[in-house]
Amino acid sequence: MSPQTATAARANLHFTQLSGVAGGNPQLTGVFRADLSQVGFNIRSLLIVDGNNPTTGVAGAFSGFDLDAVKISTQRIDAASDINAIAGVNLFDFSDRGTFFFPGTQRPPVDDKLFGTGSSRVNHPIATLDRFDANSTTDSSAFGFVSLGNGGKIGFNFSNPIAMGSPLYLYIGEVGDNEFPSAEVLVADQPVNIPEPATVFAISLMGLYFFRLHHVHKTKVI
């Protein structure tokens, strides 16, 4: 990350895993909740970073954190089965204009692309990041998520700032229900800046608050 990150104000938040699972068929998406109400600034962007663990998860096209969906809502829920029923803050742009993908590496055997992607972009009709609907499988019926790759990143710019002052929760879905968000989930008061191609991984975010996450070590079966 850029030097600006190191000097930004930081707040420690913890993700809590909801009971049960969500998703499609098979239904095995773990859903995690973080409280954003104490961030202290208007949110313009979100960045999710894979933990780059070389031993957990499935190899090839399914390497890294498998993101089913993301949602920000004023409603708090405790059961994963309720995630598609609650209203989200309608500021995500799930297109190439508002979603930025920085693919990580694949563990052997290497495929031609990470699942749910195409030409180093999110394949939105396959990933469906606006719905917790992933088929938790690695065969031909896999659908509804994107694999970040080891060390990969995905960023979202919002169409308007999300104002503080009321309860606000971030929900993230992980396909397979056996990998906790283990690196960083960052919100910022500035958009994700897209660097030059030669430095694509040097993502610059101003005014960041770091959300340090608990680490849960599980064996991923997806």
C-alpha atoms as a PDB file:
ATOM      1  CA  MET A   1       0.000   0.000   0.000  1.00  0.00           C
ATOM      2  CA  SER A   2       1.096   3.605  -0.457  1.00  0.00           C
ATOM      3  CA  PRO A   3       2.814   5.701   2.263  1.00  0.00           C
ATOM      4  CA  GLN A   4      -0.453   7.609   2.804  1.00  0.00           C
ATOM      5  CA  THR A   5      -1.919   4.439   4.284  1.00  0.00           C
ATOM      6  CA  ALA A   6       0.663   4.306   7.061  1.00  0.00           C
ATOM      7  CA  THR A   7      -0.240   7.775   8.369  1.00  0.00           C
ATOM      8  CA  ALA A   8      -4.006   7.479   8.094  1.00  0.00           C
ATOM      9  CA  ALA A   9      -6.249   7.269  11.140  1.00  0.00           C
ATOM     10  CA  ARG A  10      -7.103   3.698  12.025  1.00  0.00           C
ATOM     11  CA  ALA A  11      -9.926   1.918  13.827  1.00  0.00           C
ATOM     12  CA  ASN A  12      -9.932  -1.724  14.867  1.00  0.00           C
ATOM     13  CA  LEU A  13     -13.166  -3.527  13.993  1.00  0.00           C
ATOM     14  CA  HIS A  14     -13.916  -7.218  14.107  1.00  0.00           C
ATOM     15  CA  PHE A  15     -16.007  -9.312  11.759  1.00  0.00           C
ATOM     16  CA  THR A  16     -18.595 -11.535  13.383  1.00  0.00           C
ATOM     17  CA  GLN A  17     -19.755 -14.641  11.561  1.00  0.00           C
ATOM     18  CA  LEU A  18     -23.514 -15.009  11.343  1.00  0.00           C
ATOM     19  CA  SER A  19     -25.191 -18.276  12.243  1.00  0.00           C
ATOM     20  CA  GLY A  20     -26.010 -20.673   9.434  1.00  0.00           C
ATOM     21  CA  VAL A  21     -25.210 -20.247   5.754  1.00  0.00           C
ATOM     22  CA  ALA A  22     -26.538 -18.528   2.639  1.00  0.00           C
ATOM     23  CA  GLY A  23     -26.046 -19.086  -1.079  1.00  0.00           C
ATOM     24  CA  GLY A  24     -27.347 -21.148  -3.956  1.00  0.00           C
ATOM     25  CA  ASN A  25     -27.017 -24.894  -4.578  1.00  0.00           C
ATOM     26  CA  PRO A  26     -25.123 -26.259  -2.790  1.00  0.00           C
ATOM     27  CA  GLN A  27     -25.754 -23.576  -0.199  1.00  0.00           C
ATOM     28  CA  LEU A  28     -22.568 -23.041   1.781  1.00  0.00           C
ATOM     29  CA  THR A  29     -21.712 -19.340   1.984  1.00  0.00           C
ATOM     30  CA  GLY A  30     -20.505 -18.048   5.328  1.00  0.00           C
ATOM     31  CA  VAL A  31     -21.659 -14.482   6.000  1.00  0.00           C
ATOM     32  CA  PHE A  32     -19.661 -12.017   8.098  1.00  0.00           C
ATOM     33  CA  ARG A  33     -20.766  -8.699   9.624  1.00  0.00           C
ATOM     34  CA  ALA A  34     -18.714  -5.629  10.567  1.00  0.00           C
ATOM     35  CA  ASP A  35     -20.077  -2.536  12.310  1.00  0.00           C
ATOM     36  CA  LEU A  36     -19.251   0.635  10.345  1.00  0.00           C
ATOM     37  CA  SER A  37     -21.082   3.106  12.586  1.00  0.00           C
ATOM     38  CA  GLN A  38     -17.947   4.287  14.396  1.00  0.00           C
ATOM     39  CA  VAL A  39     -15.773   4.933  11.334  1.00  0.00           C
ATOM     40  CA  GLY A  40     -16.106   8.699  11.661  1.00  0.00           C
ATOM     41  CA  PHE A  41     -16.138   9.800   8.007  1.00  0.00           C
ATOM     42  CA  ASN A  42     -18.254   9.499   4.881  1.00  0.00           C
ATOM     43  CA  ILE A  43     -17.308   6.324   3.005  1.00  0.00           C
ATOM     44  CA  ARG A  44     -16.442   6.596  -0.682  1.00  0.00           C
ATOM     45  CA  SER A  45     -14.866   3.194  -1.341  1.00  0.00           C
ATOM     46  CA  LEU A  46     -14.332  -0.349  -0.102  1.00  0.00           C
ATOM     47  CA  LEU A  47     -11.327  -2.614  -0.675  1.00  0.00           C
ATOM     48  CA  ILE A  48     -11.160  -6.344   0.151  1.00  0.00           C
ATOM     49  CA  VAL A  49      -7.729  -7.988   0.263  1.00  0.00           C
ATOM     50  CA  ASP A  50      -7.055 -11.736   0.230  1.00  0.00           C
ATOM     51  CA  GLY A  51      -4.882 -13.049   3.075  1.00  0.00           C
ATOM     52  CA  ASN A  52      -2.351 -14.679   0.706  1.00  0.00           C
ATOM     53  CA  ASN A  53      -2.237 -17.883   2.723  1.00  0.00           C
ATOM     54  CA  PRO A  54      -0.222 -20.402   0.669  1.00  0.00           C
ATOM     55  CA  THR A  55      -1.798 -23.500   2.224  1.00  0.00           C
ATOM     56  CA  THR A  56      -5.557 -22.912   2.606  1.00  0.00           C
ATOM     57  CA  GLY A  57      -8.199 -23.022  -0.079  1.00  0.00           C
ATOM     58  CA  VAL A  58      -8.494 -24.716  -3.428  1.00  0.00           C
ATOM     59  CA  ALA A  59      -5.833 -24.314  -6.108  1.00  0.00           C
ATOM     60  CA  GLY A  60      -6.070 -23.126  -9.685  1.00  0.00           C
ATOM     61  CA  ALA A  61      -9.035 -21.010 -10.748  1.00  0.00           C
ATOM     62  CA  PHE A  62     -10.484 -21.099  -7.214  1.00  0.00           C
ATOM     63  CA  SER A  63      -7.360 -19.838  -5.414  1.00  0.00           C
ATOM     64  CA  GLY A  64      -7.728 -17.230  -2.705  1.00  0.00           C
ATOM     65  CA  PHE A  65     -10.785 -15.742  -1.030  1.00  0.00           C
ATOM     66  CA  ASP A  66     -14.015 -16.648  -2.865  1.00  0.00           C
ATOM     67  CA  LEU A  67     -16.325 -13.638  -2.622  1.00  0.00           C
ATOM     68  CA  ASP A  68     -20.021 -14.429  -2.966  1.00  0.00           C
ATOM     69  CA  ALA A  69     -21.351 -10.901  -2.464  1.00  0.00           C
ATOM     70  CA  VAL A  70     -21.060  -7.671  -0.503  1.00  0.00           C
ATOM     71  CA  LYS A  71     -23.807  -5.593   1.045  1.00  0.00           C
ATOM     72  CA  ILE A  72     -23.948  -2.499   3.250  1.00  0.00           C
ATOM     73  CA  SER A  73     -27.164  -2.100   5.201  1.00  0.00           C
ATOM     74  CA  THR A  74     -28.627  -0.123   8.082  1.00  0.00           C
ATOM     75  CA  GLN A  75     -30.199  -3.370   9.297  1.00  0.00           C
ATOM     76  CA  ARG A  76     -28.420  -5.743  11.643  1.00  0.00           C
ATOM     77  CA  ILE A  77     -29.056  -9.459  11.276  1.00  0.00           C
ATOM     78  CA  ASP A  78     -27.585 -12.468  13.061  1.00  0.00           C
ATOM     79  CA  ALA A  79     -28.624 -15.294  10.709  1.00  0.00           C
ATOM     80  CA  ALA A  80     -27.017 -15.771   7.292  1.00  0.00           C
ATOM     81  CA  SER A  81     -30.330 -16.965   5.867  1.00  0.00           C
ATOM     82  CA  ASP A  82     -31.717 -13.417   6.257  1.00  0.00           C
ATOM     83  CA  ILE A  83     -29.024 -11.691   4.175  1.00  0.00           C
ATOM     84  CA  ASN A  84     -30.953 -11.469   0.902  1.00  0.00           C
ATOM     85  CA  ALA A  85     -34.095 -10.239   2.656  1.00  0.00           C
ATOM     86  CA  ILE A  86     -32.637  -7.035   4.124  1.00  0.00           C
ATOM     87  CA  ALA A  87     -32.363  -3.809   2.153  1.00  0.00           C
ATOM     88  CA  GLY A  88     -28.906  -2.657   1.140  1.00  0.00           C
ATOM     89  CA  VAL A  89     -27.583   0.859   0.669  1.00  0.00           C
ATOM     90  CA  ASN A  90     -27.999   1.232  -3.099  1.00  0.00           C
ATOM     91  CA  LEU A  91     -24.672   2.885  -3.896  1.00  0.00           C
ATOM     92  CA  PHE A  92     -22.650  -0.021  -5.291  1.00  0.00           C
ATOM     93  CA  ASP A  93     -21.929   0.005  -9.007  1.00  0.00           C
ATOM     94  CA  PHE A  94     -21.432  -3.669  -9.856  1.00  0.00           C
ATOM     95  CA  SER A  95     -19.905  -2.953 -13.258  1.00  0.00           C
ATOM     96  CA  ASP A  96     -16.437  -2.204 -14.612  1.00  0.00           C
ATOM     97  CA  ARG A  97     -17.059   1.465 -13.836  1.00  0.00           C
ATOM     98  CA  GLY A  98     -17.368   0.930 -10.108  1.00  0.00           C
ATOM     99  CA  THR A  99     -15.636  -2.416  -9.485  1.00  0.00           C
ATOM    100  CA  PHE A 100     -11.868  -2.835  -9.700  1.00  0.00           C
ATOM    101  CA  PHE A 101     -10.151  -6.212  -9.711  1.00  0.00           C
ATOM    102  CA  PHE A 102      -6.472  -6.806  -8.975  1.00  0.00           C
ATOM    103  CA  PRO A 103      -5.992 -10.561  -9.434  1.00  0.00           C
ATOM    104  CA  GLY A 104      -3.747 -12.530  -7.127  1.00  0.00           C
ATOM    105  CA  THR A 105      -1.720 -15.585  -8.032  1.00  0.00           C
ATOM    106  CA  GLN A 106      -2.979 -19.118  -8.564  1.00  0.00           C
ATOM    107  CA  ARG A 107      -1.613 -22.146  -6.801  1.00  0.00           C
ATOM    108  CA  PRO A 108      -0.755 -25.014  -9.174  1.00  0.00           C
ATOM    109  CA  PRO A 109      -2.273 -26.359 -11.276  1.00  0.00           C
ATOM    110  CA  VAL A 110      -2.731 -22.920 -12.830  1.00  0.00           C
ATOM    111  CA  ASP A 111      -5.839 -22.228 -14.916  1.00  0.00           C
ATOM    112  CA  ASP A 112      -6.162 -19.594 -17.631  1.00  0.00           C
ATOM    113  CA  LYS A 113      -8.136 -17.298 -15.322  1.00  0.00           C
ATOM    114  CA  LEU A 114      -9.571 -17.060 -11.832  1.00  0.00           C
ATOM    115  CA  PHE A 115     -13.193 -18.113 -11.468  1.00  0.00           C
ATOM    116  CA  GLY A 116     -15.716 -15.342 -12.037  1.00  0.00           C
ATOM    117  CA  THR A 117     -13.242 -13.246 -14.019  1.00  0.00           C
ATOM    118  CA  GLY A 118     -12.318 -12.543 -17.603  1.00  0.00           C
ATOM    119  CA  SER A 119      -9.428 -10.493 -19.004  1.00  0.00           C
ATOM    120  CA  SER A 120      -8.404  -9.471 -15.466  1.00  0.00           C
ATOM    121  CA  ARG A 121     -11.880  -8.085 -14.811  1.00  0.00           C
ATOM    122  CA  VAL A 122     -14.813  -9.366 -12.832  1.00  0.00           C
ATOM    123  CA  ASN A 123     -17.249 -11.301 -15.009  1.00  0.00           C
ATOM    124  CA  HIS A 124     -20.322  -9.720 -13.465  1.00  0.00           C
ATOM    125  CA  PRO A 125     -22.991 -12.061 -14.935  1.00  0.00           C
ATOM    126  CA  ILE A 126     -21.102 -14.984 -13.375  1.00  0.00           C
ATOM    127  CA  ALA A 127     -19.973 -13.332 -10.126  1.00  0.00           C
ATOM    128  CA  THR A 128     -23.353 -11.681  -9.260  1.00  0.00           C
ATOM    129  CA  LEU A 129     -21.758  -9.736  -6.403  1.00  0.00           C
ATOM    130  CA  ASP A 130     -25.060  -8.060  -5.563  1.00  0.00           C
ATOM    131  CA  ARG A 131     -26.651 -11.347  -4.445  1.00  0.00           C
ATOM    132  CA  PHE A 132     -25.644 -14.029  -1.962  1.00  0.00           C
ATOM    133  CA  ASP A 133     -26.397 -16.830  -4.391  1.00  0.00           C
ATOM    134  CA  ALA A 134     -23.177 -18.792  -4.934  1.00  0.00           C
ATOM    135  CA  ASN A 135     -23.197 -22.462  -5.851  1.00  0.00           C
ATOM    136  CA  SER A 136     -20.504 -23.729  -3.503  1.00  0.00           C
ATOM    137  CA  THR A 137     -18.743 -26.127  -5.856  1.00  0.00           C
ATOM    138  CA  THR A 138     -15.754 -26.281  -8.177  1.00  0.00           C
ATOM    139  CA  ASP A 139     -17.392 -28.278 -10.972  1.00  0.00           C
ATOM    140  CA  SER A 140     -19.296 -27.031 -14.029  1.00  0.00           C
ATOM    141  CA  SER A 141     -22.211 -25.836 -11.868  1.00  0.00           C
ATOM    142  CA  ALA A 142     -20.061 -23.283 -10.001  1.00  0.00           C
ATOM    143  CA  PHE A 143     -21.767 -19.887 -10.164  1.00  0.00           C
ATOM    144  CA  GLY A 144     -22.316 -16.631  -8.317  1.00  0.00           C
ATOM    145  CA  PHE A 145     -18.884 -15.650  -6.958  1.00  0.00           C
ATOM    146  CA  VAL A 146     -15.408 -14.442  -7.831  1.00  0.00           C
ATOM    147  CA  SER A 147     -12.105 -15.931  -6.649  1.00  0.00           C
ATOM    148  CA  LEU A 148      -9.534 -13.249  -5.769  1.00  0.00           C
ATOM    149  CA  GLY A 149      -6.416 -15.387  -6.041  1.00  0.00           C
ATOM    150  CA  ASN A 150      -3.675 -15.441  -3.409  1.00  0.00           C
ATOM    151  CA  GLY A 151      -3.017 -11.839  -2.444  1.00  0.00           C
ATOM    152  CA  GLY A 152      -5.700 -10.544  -4.816  1.00  0.00           C
ATOM    153  CA  LYS A 153      -7.787  -7.431  -4.212  1.00  0.00           C
ATOM    154  CA  ILE A 154     -11.198  -6.185  -5.228  1.00  0.00           C
ATOM    155  CA  GLY A 155     -12.309  -2.586  -4.800  1.00  0.00           C
ATOM    156  CA  PHE A 156     -15.627  -0.786  -5.074  1.00  0.00           C
ATOM    157  CA  ASN A 157     -16.248   2.925  -5.567  1.00  0.00           C
ATOM    158  CA  PHE A 158     -19.648   4.196  -4.451  1.00  0.00           C
ATOM    159  CA  SER A 159     -21.760   6.475  -6.614  1.00  0.00           C
ATOM    160  CA  ASN A 160     -22.209   8.851  -3.658  1.00  0.00           C
ATOM    161  CA  PRO A 161     -20.586   9.009  -0.217  1.00  0.00           C
ATOM    162  CA  ILE A 162     -22.211   6.880   2.464  1.00  0.00           C
ATOM    163  CA  ALA A 163     -22.986   9.330   5.270  1.00  0.00           C
ATOM    164  CA  MET A 164     -22.294   8.416   8.864  1.00  0.00           C
ATOM    165  CA  GLY A 165     -24.610   9.017  11.795  1.00  0.00           C
ATOM    166  CA  SER A 166     -26.815   5.923  11.849  1.00  0.00           C
ATOM    167  CA  PRO A 167     -26.265   2.183  12.309  1.00  0.00           C
ATOM    168  CA  LEU A 168     -24.440   0.780   9.313  1.00  0.00           C
ATOM    169  CA  TYR A 169     -23.188  -2.752   8.726  1.00  0.00           C
ATOM    170  CA  LEU A 170     -20.960  -4.355   6.114  1.00  0.00           C
ATOM    171  CA  TYR A 171     -21.778  -7.939   5.131  1.00  0.00           C
ATOM    172  CA  ILE A 172     -19.356 -10.152   3.192  1.00  0.00           C
ATOM    173  CA  GLY A 173     -20.031 -13.664   1.910  1.00  0.00           C
ATOM    174  CA  GLU A 174     -17.296 -16.324   1.627  1.00  0.00           C
ATOM    175  CA  VAL A 175     -18.118 -19.355  -0.491  1.00  0.00           C
ATOM    176  CA  GLY A 176     -17.443 -22.621   1.315  1.00  0.00           C
ATOM    177  CA  ASP A 177     -17.990 -21.318   4.854  1.00  0.00           C
ATOM    178  CA  ASN A 178     -14.463 -22.196   5.898  1.00  0.00           C
ATOM    179  CA  GLU A 179     -12.311 -19.107   5.314  1.00  0.00           C
ATOM    180  CA  PHE A 180     -12.516 -15.988   7.462  1.00  0.00           C
ATOM    181  CA  PRO A 181     -11.633 -12.578   5.913  1.00  0.00           C
ATOM    182  CA  SER A 182      -7.999 -12.863   6.939  1.00  0.00           C
ATOM    183  CA  ALA A 183      -6.169  -9.828   5.577  1.00  0.00           C
ATOM    184  CA  GLU A 184      -7.691  -6.359   5.298  1.00  0.00           C
ATOM    185  CA  VAL A 185     -11.070  -4.882   4.533  1.00  0.00           C
ATOM    186  CA  LEU A 186     -10.599  -1.156   4.076  1.00  0.00           C
ATOM    187  CA  VAL A 187     -13.060   1.696   3.757  1.00  0.00           C
ATOM    188  CA  ALA A 188     -11.929   5.151   2.680  1.00  0.00           C
ATOM    189  CA  ASP A 189     -13.211   8.668   2.248  1.00  0.00           C
ATOM    190  CA  GLN A 190     -11.672   8.752  -1.250  1.00  0.00           C
ATOM    191  CA  PRO A 191     -12.285   6.539  -4.297  1.00  0.00           C
ATOM    192  CA  VAL A 192     -10.015   3.669  -5.243  1.00  0.00           C
ATOM    193  CA  ASN A 193      -7.326   5.144  -7.478  1.00  0.00           C
ATOM    194  CA  ILE A 194      -6.283   3.055 -10.461  1.00  0.00           C
ATOM    195  CA  PRO A 195      -2.479   3.165 -10.885  1.00  0.00           C
ATOM    196  CA  GLU A 196      -0.448   2.783 -14.046  1.00  0.00           C
ATOM    197  CA  PRO A 197      -0.393  -0.794 -15.426  1.00  0.00           C
ATOM    198  CA  ALA A 198       3.236  -1.308 -14.355  1.00  0.00           C
ATOM    199  CA  THR A 199       2.278  -0.609 -10.738  1.00  0.00           C
ATOM    200  CA  VAL A 200      -1.237  -2.037 -10.691  1.00  0.00           C
ATOM    201  CA  PHE A 201      -0.811  -3.531  -7.220  1.00  0.00           C
ATOM    202  CA  ALA A 202       0.287  -0.231  -5.667  1.00  0.00           C
ATOM    203  CA  ILE A 203      -3.297   0.786  -4.888  1.00  0.00           C
ATOM    204  CA  SER A 204      -3.437   4.275  -3.389  1.00  0.00           C
ATOM    205  CA  LEU A 205      -6.223   5.078  -0.968  1.00  0.00           C
ATOM    206  CA  MET A 206      -6.305   8.333   0.998  1.00  0.00           C
ATOM    207  CA  GLY A 207      -7.755   8.743   4.494  1.00  0.00           C
ATOM    208  CA  LEU A 208      -7.962   5.010   5.180  1.00  0.00           C
ATOM    209  CA  TYR A 209      -9.321   3.369   8.262  1.00  0.00           C
ATOM    210  CA  PHE A 210      -7.903  -0.135   8.679  1.00  0.00           C
ATOM    211  CA  PHE A 211     -10.300  -2.851   9.718  1.00  0.00           C
ATOM    212  CA  ARG A 212      -8.107  -5.478  11.417  1.00  0.00           C
ATOM    213  CA  LEU A 213      -9.771  -8.848  11.299  1.00  0.00           C
ATOM    214  CA  HIS A 214      -9.631 -11.933  13.504  1.00  0.00           C
ATOM    215  CA  HIS A 215      -7.885 -14.898  11.907  1.00  0.00           C
ATOM    216  CA  VAL A 216      -9.745 -18.185  11.843  1.00  0.00           C
ATOM    217  CA  HIS A 217      -7.757 -21.154  10.522  1.00  0.00           C
ATOM    218  CA  LYS A 218      -9.945 -23.665   8.719  1.00  0.00           C
ATOM    219  CA  THR A 219      -9.488 -26.095   5.889  1.00  0.00           C
ATOM    220  CA  LYS A 220     -11.353 -24.898   2.841  1.00  0.00           C
ATOM    221  CA  VAL A 221     -13.370 -27.517   1.014  1.00  0.00           C
ATOM    222  CA  ILE A 222     -14.862 -25.579  -1.863  1.00  0.00           C
END
